[in-house]
Every structure is written in structure tokens, then in C-alpha cells.
C-alpha atoms as a PDB file:
ATOM      1  CA  MET A   1      -4.716  -5.540   7.484  1.00  0.00           C
ATOM      2  CA  GLY A   2      -8.420  -6.882   8.254  1.00  0.00           C
ATOM      3  CA  PRO A   3      -9.458  -6.094  11.538  1.00  0.00           C
ATOM      4  CA  ILE A   4      -6.037  -4.970  12.799  1.00  0.00           C
ATOM      5  CA  ARG A   5      -4.452  -1.696  12.445  1.00  0.00           C
ATOM      6  CA  LEU A   6      -0.299  -1.299  12.472  1.00  0.00           C
ATOM      7  CA  LYS A   7       1.727   1.495  13.027  1.00  0.00           C
ATOM      8  CA  THR A   8       3.664   0.490   9.860  1.00  0.00           C
ATOM      9  CA  SER A   9       3.589  -2.620   7.654  1.00  0.00           C
ATOM     10  CA  HIS A  10       7.823  -2.832   7.760  1.00  0.00           C
ATOM     11  CA  LEU A  11       9.608  -3.998  10.482  1.00  0.00           C
ATOM     12  CA  SER A  12      13.202  -2.682  10.270  1.00  0.00           C
ATOM     13  CA  LEU A  13      16.029  -4.387  12.335  1.00  0.00           C
ATOM     14  CA  THR A  14      18.009  -1.563  11.314  1.00  0.00           C
ATOM     15  CA  ARG A  15      22.102  -2.681  11.610  1.00  0.00           C
ATOM     16  CA  ILE A  16      23.118  -6.095  12.710  1.00  0.00           C
ATOM     17  CA  ALA A  17      26.301  -7.857  12.913  1.00  0.00           C
ATOM     18  CA  PRO A  18      27.002 -10.763  10.895  1.00  0.00           C
ATOM     19  CA  GLU A  19      26.469 -13.346  14.045  1.00  0.00           C
ATOM     20  CA  GLU A  20      24.050 -11.450  15.890  1.00  0.00           C
ATOM     21  CA  VAL A  21      20.633 -12.128  17.286  1.00  0.00           C
ATOM     22  CA  LYS A  22      18.527  -8.975  17.326  1.00  0.00           C
ATOM     23  CA  SER A  23      15.001  -8.777  17.950  1.00  0.00           C
ATOM     24  CA  GLU A  24      12.457  -5.462  17.089  1.00  0.00           C
ATOM     25  CA  GLU A  25       8.704  -4.848  18.311  1.00  0.00           C
ATOM     26  CA  LEU A  26       5.674  -3.922  16.277  1.00  0.00           C
ATOM     27  CA  GLU A  27       2.631  -2.702  18.266  1.00  0.00           C
ATOM     28  CA  PHE A  28      -0.911  -3.160  16.331  1.00  0.00           C
ATOM     29  CA  ILE A  29      -4.386  -2.494  17.659  1.00  0.00           C
ATOM     30  CA  ASN A  30      -7.566  -4.667  17.201  1.00  0.00           C
ATOM     31  CA  SER A  31     -10.099  -2.350  15.827  1.00  0.00           C
ATOM     32  CA  SER A  32     -12.977  -4.452  15.425  1.00  0.00           C
ATOM     33  CA  ASP A  33     -15.872  -5.654  17.824  1.00  0.00           C
ATOM     34  CA  SER A  34     -14.231  -9.623  18.136  1.00  0.00           C
ATOM     35  CA  GLU A  35     -11.438 -11.186  19.480  1.00  0.00           C
ATOM     36  CA  VAL A  36      -8.847 -11.675  16.938  1.00  0.00           C
ATOM     37  CA  ALA A  37      -6.236 -14.199  16.876  1.00  0.00           C
ATOM     38  CA  ILE A  38      -3.037 -14.012  14.996  1.00  0.00           C
ATOM     39  CA  ASP A  39      -0.783 -16.407  13.450  1.00  0.00           C
ATOM     40  CA  PHE A  40       2.208 -16.239  10.666  1.00  0.00           C
ATOM     41  CA  GLU A  41       3.112 -17.804   7.133  1.00  0.00           C
ATOM     42  CA  SER A  42       6.148 -17.831   4.991  1.00  0.00           C
ATOM     43  CA  VAL A  43       8.435 -17.362   8.087  1.00  0.00           C
ATOM     44  CA  PRO A  44      11.851 -18.053   6.912  1.00  0.00           C
ATOM     45  CA  SER A  45      14.637 -20.007   9.159  1.00  0.00           C
ATOM     46  CA  HIS A  46      16.525 -16.897  10.480  1.00  0.00           C
ATOM     47  CA  LEU A  47      13.341 -15.131  11.752  1.00  0.00           C
ATOM     48  CA  ASN A  48      11.039 -16.091  14.800  1.00  0.00           C
ATOM     49  CA  VAL A  49       8.052 -14.571  14.885  1.00  0.00           C
ATOM     50  CA  SER A  50       5.647 -14.035  17.913  1.00  0.00           C
ATOM     51  CA  VAL A  51       2.430 -11.966  18.908  1.00  0.00           C
ATOM     52  CA  ASP A  52       1.532 -11.030  22.623  1.00  0.00           C
ATOM     53  CA  PRO A  53      -1.262 -11.640  23.651  1.00  0.00           C
ATOM     54  CA  GLU A  54      -2.245 -14.399  21.164  1.00  0.00           C
ATOM     55  CA  VAL A  55      -5.992 -13.523  21.331  1.00  0.00           C
ATOM     56  CA  VAL A  56      -6.196  -9.548  21.083  1.00  0.00           C
ATOM     57  CA  ALA A  57      -9.723  -8.385  22.855  1.00  0.00           C
ATOM     58  CA  PRO A  58     -11.963  -5.631  20.777  1.00  0.00           C
ATOM     59  CA  GLY A  59      -9.739  -2.115  20.992  1.00  0.00           C
ATOM     60  CA  LYS A  60      -6.972  -3.750  22.505  1.00  0.00           C
ATOM     61  CA  LYS A  61      -3.502  -3.387  21.885  1.00  0.00           C
ATOM     62  CA  GLY A  62      -0.989  -6.184  20.726  1.00  0.00           C
ATOM     63  CA  VAL A  63       2.700  -6.363  19.951  1.00  0.00           C
ATOM     64  CA  ILE A  64       4.491  -8.535  17.360  1.00  0.00           C
ATOM     65  CA  THR A  65       7.913  -9.567  17.950  1.00  0.00           C
ATOM     66  CA  ALA A  66      10.462 -10.661  15.497  1.00  0.00           C
ATOM     67  CA  VAL A  67      13.966 -12.071  16.206  1.00  0.00           C
ATOM     68  CA  TYR A  68      16.279 -12.083  13.788  1.00  0.00           C
ATOM     69  CA  ASP A  69      19.357 -14.554  13.401  1.00  0.00           C
ATOM     70  CA  ALA A  70      21.946 -13.045  10.848  1.00  0.00           C
ATOM     71  CA  GLY A  71      24.194 -16.056  11.615  1.00  0.00           C
ATOM     72  CA  VAL A  72      21.251 -18.219   9.745  1.00  0.00           C
ATOM     73  CA  LYS A  73      20.474 -15.857   7.386  1.00  0.00           C
ATOM     74  CA  SER A  74      24.466 -16.137   6.451  1.00  0.00           C
ATOM     75  CA  ASP A  75      24.132 -12.733   3.654  1.00  0.00           C
ATOM     76  CA  TRP A  76      25.446  -9.391   3.864  1.00  0.00           C
ATOM     77  CA  GLY A  77      24.166  -6.087   3.189  1.00  0.00           C
ATOM     78  CA  PHE A  78      20.472  -4.495   2.718  1.00  0.00           C
ATOM     79  CA  VAL A  79      18.394  -7.636   2.773  1.00  0.00           C
ATOM     80  CA  VAL A  80      14.255  -7.886   2.831  1.00  0.00           C
ATOM     81  CA  ASP A  81      12.032 -10.916   3.746  1.00  0.00           C
ATOM     82  CA  GLN A  82       8.320 -10.693   3.542  1.00  0.00           C
ATOM     83  CA  ILE A  83       6.004 -12.691   5.990  1.00  0.00           C
ATOM     84  CA  TYR A  84       2.663 -12.917   5.908  1.00  0.00           C
ATOM     85  CA  LEU A  85      -0.372 -12.648   8.844  1.00  0.00           C
ATOM     86  CA  LYS A  86      -2.836 -15.154   9.255  1.00  0.00           C
ATOM     87  CA  ILE A  87      -5.958 -13.604  11.062  1.00  0.00           C
ATOM     88  CA  ASN A  88      -8.246 -15.818  12.482  1.00  0.00           C
ATOM     89  CA  GLY A  89      -7.202 -18.852  10.641  1.00  0.00           C
ATOM     90  CA  GLU A  90      -7.670 -17.151   7.249  1.00  0.00           C
ATOM     91  CA  SER A  91      -4.614 -16.558   4.812  1.00  0.00           C
ATOM     92  CA  ASN A  92      -4.629 -13.419   2.878  1.00  0.00           C
ATOM     93  CA  ARG A  93      -1.456 -12.433   0.787  1.00  0.00           C
ATOM     94  CA  ARG A  94      -2.610  -8.926   1.137  1.00  0.00           C
ATOM     95  CA  ASN A  95      -1.626  -9.265   5.111  1.00  0.00           C
ATOM     96  CA  ARG A  96       2.183  -8.770   4.418  1.00  0.00           C
ATOM     97  CA  LEU A  97       4.744  -7.830   6.935  1.00  0.00           C
ATOM     98  CA  SER A  98       8.206  -6.522   5.578  1.00  0.00           C
ATOM     99  CA  VAL A  99      11.444  -7.241   7.497  1.00  0.00           C
ATOM    100  CA  SER A 100      14.559  -5.794   6.871  1.00  0.00           C
ATOM    101  CA  ALA A 101      18.010  -5.634   7.878  1.00  0.00           C
ATOM    102  CA  THR A 102      21.189  -4.439   6.754  1.00  0.00           C
ATOM    103  CA  ILE A 103      23.992  -7.140   7.623  1.00  0.00           C
ATOM    104  CA  GLU A 104      27.443  -5.091   8.281  1.00  0.00           C
ATOM    105  CA  GLU A 105      30.720  -6.225  10.313  1.00  0.00           C
ATOM    106  CA  ASP A 106      31.026  -3.996  13.028  1.00  0.00           C
ATOM    107  CA  PHE A 107      34.691  -2.624  13.244  1.00  0.00           C
ATOM    108  CA  SER A 108      34.239   0.369  15.987  1.00  0.00           C
ATOM    109  CA  ALA A 109      36.189  -1.745  18.272  1.00  0.00           C
ATOM    110  CA  TRP A 110      39.277  -2.115  16.151  1.00  0.00           C
ATOM    111  CA  THR A 111      42.527  -0.816  17.695  1.00  0.00           C
ATOM    112  CA  ASP A 112      44.927   1.462  15.744  1.00  0.00           C
ATOM    113  CA  GLU A 113      47.124  -1.443  15.275  1.00  0.00           C
ATOM    114  CA  GLN A 114      44.399  -3.514  13.741  1.00  0.00           C
ATOM    115  CA  ILE A 115      43.214  -0.720  11.646  1.00  0.00           C
ATOM    116  CA  ALA A 116      47.050  -0.132  10.321  1.00  0.00           C
ATOM    117  CA  ASN A 117      47.160  -4.246   9.385  1.00  0.00           C
ATOM    118  CA  ALA A 118      43.897  -4.258   7.838  1.00  0.00           C
ATOM    119  CA  PRO A 119      43.086  -5.051   4.114  1.00  0.00           C
ATOM    120  CA  VAL A 120      42.512  -2.239   1.751  1.00  0.00           C
ATOM    121  CA  LEU A 121      40.411  -2.188  -0.833  1.00  0.00           C
ATOM    122  CA  ASP A 122      41.227  -0.251  -4.062  1.00  0.00           C
ATOM    123  CA  VAL A 123      39.275  -0.049  -7.491  1.00  0.00           C
ATOM    124  CA  ASN A 124      41.095   1.381 -10.546  1.00  0.00           C
ATOM    125  CA  ASN A 125      38.096   3.532 -11.315  1.00  0.00           C
ATOM    126  CA  ARG A 126      34.390   3.459  -9.112  1.00  0.00           C
ATOM    127  CA  VAL A 127      32.687   4.868 -12.184  1.00  0.00           C
ATOM    128  CA  PHE A 128      32.449   3.650 -15.540  1.00  0.00           C
ATOM    129  CA  ASP A 129      30.414   6.360 -17.970  1.00  0.00           C
ATOM    130  CA  PHE A 130      29.566   4.028 -21.440  1.00  0.00           C
ATOM    131  CA  GLY A 131      28.382   7.472 -23.105  1.00  0.00           C
ATOM    132  CA  GLU A 132      25.611   6.706 -25.526  1.00  0.00           C
ATOM    133  CA  LEU A 133      24.441   3.360 -26.245  1.00  0.00           C
ATOM    134  CA  LYS A 134      21.413   2.215 -28.858  1.00  0.00           C
ATOM    135  CA  GLN A 135      18.501   0.562 -27.118  1.00  0.00           C
ATOM    136  CA  GLY A 136      19.140  -3.406 -26.801  1.00  0.00           C
ATOM    137  CA  GLU A 137      22.988  -3.317 -27.145  1.00  0.00           C
ATOM    138  CA  LYS A 138      24.921  -4.522 -24.305  1.00  0.00           C
ATOM    139  CA  VAL A 139      28.086  -3.061 -22.829  1.00  0.00           C
ATOM    140  CA  SER A 140      30.470  -4.212 -20.031  1.00  0.00           C
ATOM    141  CA  HIS A 141      33.255  -3.324 -18.045  1.00  0.00           C
ATOM    142  CA  ASN A 142      35.877  -4.727 -16.028  1.00  0.00           C
ATOM    143  CA  PHE A 143      36.190  -3.221 -12.473  1.00  0.00           C
ATOM    144  CA  VAL A 144      39.986  -4.305 -11.482  1.00  0.00           C
ATOM    145  CA  ILE A 145      39.917  -4.613  -7.410  1.00  0.00           C
ATOM    146  CA  THR A 146      42.959  -4.628  -5.611  1.00  0.00           C
ATOM    147  CA  ASN A 147      44.069  -5.345  -2.000  1.00  0.00           C
ATOM    148  CA  SER A 148      46.585  -2.434  -0.919  1.00  0.00           C
ATOM    149  CA  GLY A 149      46.582  -3.442   2.718  1.00  0.00           C
ATOM    150  CA  LYS A 150      48.443  -5.681   4.641  1.00  0.00           C
ATOM    151  CA  SER A 151      46.235  -8.656   5.351  1.00  0.00           C
ATOM    152  CA  ASN A 152      43.794 -10.780   3.271  1.00  0.00           C
ATOM    153  CA  LEU A 153      41.190  -8.878   1.382  1.00  0.00           C
ATOM    154  CA  VAL A 154      37.691 -11.387   1.607  1.00  0.00           C
ATOM    155  CA  LEU A 155      34.962 -10.003  -0.664  1.00  0.00           C
ATOM    156  CA  ARG A 156      32.040 -10.939   0.998  1.00  0.00           C
ATOM    157  CA  LYS A 157      29.339 -10.501  -1.569  1.00  0.00           C
ATOM    158  CA  VAL A 158      29.117  -8.858  -4.883  1.00  0.00           C
ATOM    159  CA  ARG A 159      25.743  -7.824  -5.706  1.00  0.00           C
ATOM    160  CA  SER A 160      24.345  -5.710  -8.899  1.00  0.00           C
ATOM    161  CA  SER A 161      21.155  -3.611  -9.044  1.00  0.00           C
ATOM    162  CA  CYS A 162      18.565  -4.030 -11.553  1.00  0.00           C
ATOM    163  CA  GLY A 163      19.458  -4.168 -15.159  1.00  0.00           C
ATOM    164  CA  CYS A 164      22.921  -4.817 -14.571  1.00  0.00           C
ATOM    165  CA  THR A 165      24.857  -7.944 -14.192  1.00  0.00           C
ATOM    166  CA  ALA A 166      28.065  -8.458 -12.261  1.00  0.00           C
ATOM    167  CA  ILE A 167      30.508 -11.648 -12.905  1.00  0.00           C
ATOM    168  CA  GLN A 168      31.737 -13.129  -9.857  1.00  0.00           C
ATOM    169  CA  PRO A 169      35.436 -12.487  -9.641  1.00  0.00           C
ATOM    170  CA  ASP A 170      37.636 -15.193 -10.008  1.00  0.00           C
ATOM    171  CA  LYS A 171      38.800 -15.006  -6.205  1.00  0.00           C
ATOM    172  CA  MET A 172      37.286 -14.095  -3.265  1.00  0.00           C
ATOM    173  CA  VAL A 173      39.931 -13.634  -1.183  1.00  0.00           C
ATOM    174  CA  ILE A 174      42.715 -11.384  -2.462  1.00  0.00           C
ATOM    175  CA  ALA A 175      46.489 -11.293  -0.843  1.00  0.00           C
ATOM    176  CA  PRO A 176      48.434  -7.898  -0.237  1.00  0.00           C
ATOM    177  CA  GLY A 177      49.327  -6.620  -3.507  1.00  0.00           C
ATOM    178  CA  GLU A 178      47.315  -9.030  -5.430  1.00  0.00           C
ATOM    179  CA  SER A 179      44.272  -8.037  -7.677  1.00  0.00           C
ATOM    180  CA  THR A 180      41.030  -9.368  -9.181  1.00  0.00           C
ATOM    181  CA  ASN A 181      38.560  -8.435 -11.500  1.00  0.00           C
ATOM    182  CA  VAL A 182      34.720  -7.620 -11.547  1.00  0.00           C
ATOM    183  CA  VAL A 183      33.092  -7.487 -14.742  1.00  0.00           C
ATOM    184  CA  ALA A 184      29.816  -5.499 -14.639  1.00  0.00           C
ATOM    185  CA  GLU A 185      27.381  -5.861 -17.929  1.00  0.00           C
ATOM    186  CA  PHE A 186      24.426  -3.601 -18.601  1.00  0.00           C
ATOM    187  CA  ASN A 187      21.857  -4.723 -20.839  1.00  0.00           C
ATOM    188  CA  SER A 188      20.006  -1.732 -22.460  1.00  0.00           C
ATOM    189  CA  ARG A 189      16.743  -3.996 -23.846  1.00  0.00           C
ATOM    190  CA  GLY A 190      13.483  -1.865 -22.641  1.00  0.00           C
ATOM    191  CA  MET A 191      15.849   0.922 -21.389  1.00  0.00           C
ATOM    192  CA  SER A 192      15.645   4.841 -22.663  1.00  0.00           C
ATOM    193  CA  GLY A 193      17.210   7.941 -21.492  1.00  0.00           C
ATOM    194  CA  ARG A 194      19.804   8.236 -18.815  1.00  0.00           C
ATOM    195  CA  GLN A 195      20.590   5.360 -16.845  1.00  0.00           C
ATOM    196  CA  ASN A 196      22.591   5.002 -13.332  1.00  0.00           C
ATOM    197  CA  LYS A 197      23.298   1.206 -12.546  1.00  0.00           C
ATOM    198  CA  SER A 198      25.191  -0.464  -9.607  1.00  0.00           C
ATOM    199  CA  VAL A 199      27.575  -2.980  -8.453  1.00  0.00           C
ATOM    200  CA  THR A 200      28.139  -3.050  -4.240  1.00  0.00           C
ATOM    201  CA  ILE A 201      31.166  -5.242  -2.938  1.00  0.00           C
ATOM    202  CA  TYR A 202      30.914  -5.952   0.695  1.00  0.00           C
ATOM    203  CA  SER A 203      34.172  -6.747   1.919  1.00  0.00           C
ATOM    204  CA  ASN A 204      36.634  -6.809   5.420  1.00  0.00           C
ATOM    205  CA  ASP A 205      38.127  -3.539   4.510  1.00  0.00           C
ATOM    206  CA  PRO A 206      37.041  -2.059   7.932  1.00  0.00           C
ATOM    207  CA  LYS A 207      36.943   1.547   6.139  1.00  0.00           C
ATOM    208  CA  LYS A 208      35.267   0.752   3.023  1.00  0.00           C
ATOM    209  CA  SER A 209      33.414  -2.594   3.980  1.00  0.00           C
ATOM    210  CA  THR A 210      30.592  -1.422   1.661  1.00  0.00           C
ATOM    211  CA  MET A 211      32.068   0.053  -1.613  1.00  0.00           C
ATOM    212  CA  LEU A 212      29.383   0.906  -4.872  1.00  0.00           C
ATOM    213  CA  LEU A 213      31.036   1.103  -8.695  1.00  0.00           C
ATOM    214  CA  ARG A 214      28.580   2.701 -10.919  1.00  0.00           C
ATOM    215  CA  LEU A 215      28.016   2.668 -14.499  1.00  0.00           C
ATOM    216  CA  THR A 216      26.352   5.557 -15.965  1.00  0.00           C
ATOM    217  CA  GLY A 217      25.094   6.922 -19.811  1.00  0.00           C
ATOM    218  CA  THR A 218      22.241   7.405 -21.689  1.00  0.00           C
ATOM    219  CA  VAL A 219      20.234   4.831 -24.067  1.00  0.00           C
ATOM    220  CA  VAL A 220      18.992   6.119 -27.164  1.00  0.00           C
ATOM    221  CA  LYS A 221      16.116   4.609 -29.569  1.00  0.00           C
END
């Protein structure tokens, strides 16, 4: 990135709990013959990004530190933000740094009793094969989500992959023995050949906190 060289342009916080605050560092070197001052642009509210030292001498190293507040982010699963380095007061959108995290609940400290009384997310069928579809046609499928556990099942988030739309369920809190529907729709416009689309459900099931549902088939012209 201009006068500096980084080990990577992707700063990964890896796994982080929903209310956790976590930091990660990234080293760089000033490969130019002049001092370099670095600032940051487009930094979201859940990130605090700093550099040490603020001015890096020629040939010397610096460290970028990102502090991630998952409580402020208020999201689930794999999430990515893009921030930009402002070098010596100059903005350049090519000087982009990706900051990623996977926000998941940590159930590792749960007791056997807690696990036994936990919610259990069950789906009538995790994979729907729509067979053959003509390009431009749409197909939808209703995934039935049932709570087979002993406490309320909370659907934290429902996210679909590109080319697939998931209609949010009519209820996000499912009592024991009850069910709800997640309708996934695939639009084949602009698609061709074998297709694999997905819907990811994030929940408070300690054994299946992330569940992947799939729509598969072939689009023909």
C-alpha cells in the first residue's frame, strides 16, 4: 500500500463471543525513504483502529491494532468490514484493509444439565433438490424448523447466499414442541449449470448453533 508493506491486507479476529471485546495486531514496514504517517477512514463504530508509532521512520516497523466490540456490532456469523488507510494525509480507496470476525456463542462451559435442558433445532429436510429449472424461472421451498428441546429456541439470524432469498420466519422464538417456517426462494435469472445455494440459521442450540440448509439443482437454457 503505497510506501508501506503489510504481511496481509486481511486482519482476522477469528471467533468472538456476542458481547466480547477482542483485539488483533498487524505488522507493517515503511519501505520508503521518508517518514510515513497513517490514519484510518470509514471505520465503523464497533471498531477502534490505531497505529504505533503514529509516524514511522524509513525502514522501520509499525503495528496496526484493531479492537473489535461484538456487542456494538450486534450481528451473528461471519462478518467483514472494510476500512481504508490514509497515508501522509492522502486518501486512496485502494489502500483497503479487511477486518473479519465470526460471532458465535460459546457453549463450552455449559454443564451436562444445561445441555440436557437446552433447545434443539431440527429441520424436516436440510437439502432441497429442485431438479432441473429453465433459466429465468424461480423456485421456492419451505424448510420447517422445529424445537425438539426443553427450552425456548431463539433464531438469532437467518442469512442466505447470493442468488437465494430467505423469507424471515414468522417467529424467532420457538417454544418446545413448536415449529416455524423458513421459506427460501431461488431466482435462476442469469444462472446456468449446477447450482448450490444455501441458507444459514444461527440459533441458541448449543450443539447446532450454526445450521446450513441447501437448495441444489441444475439451470438449463
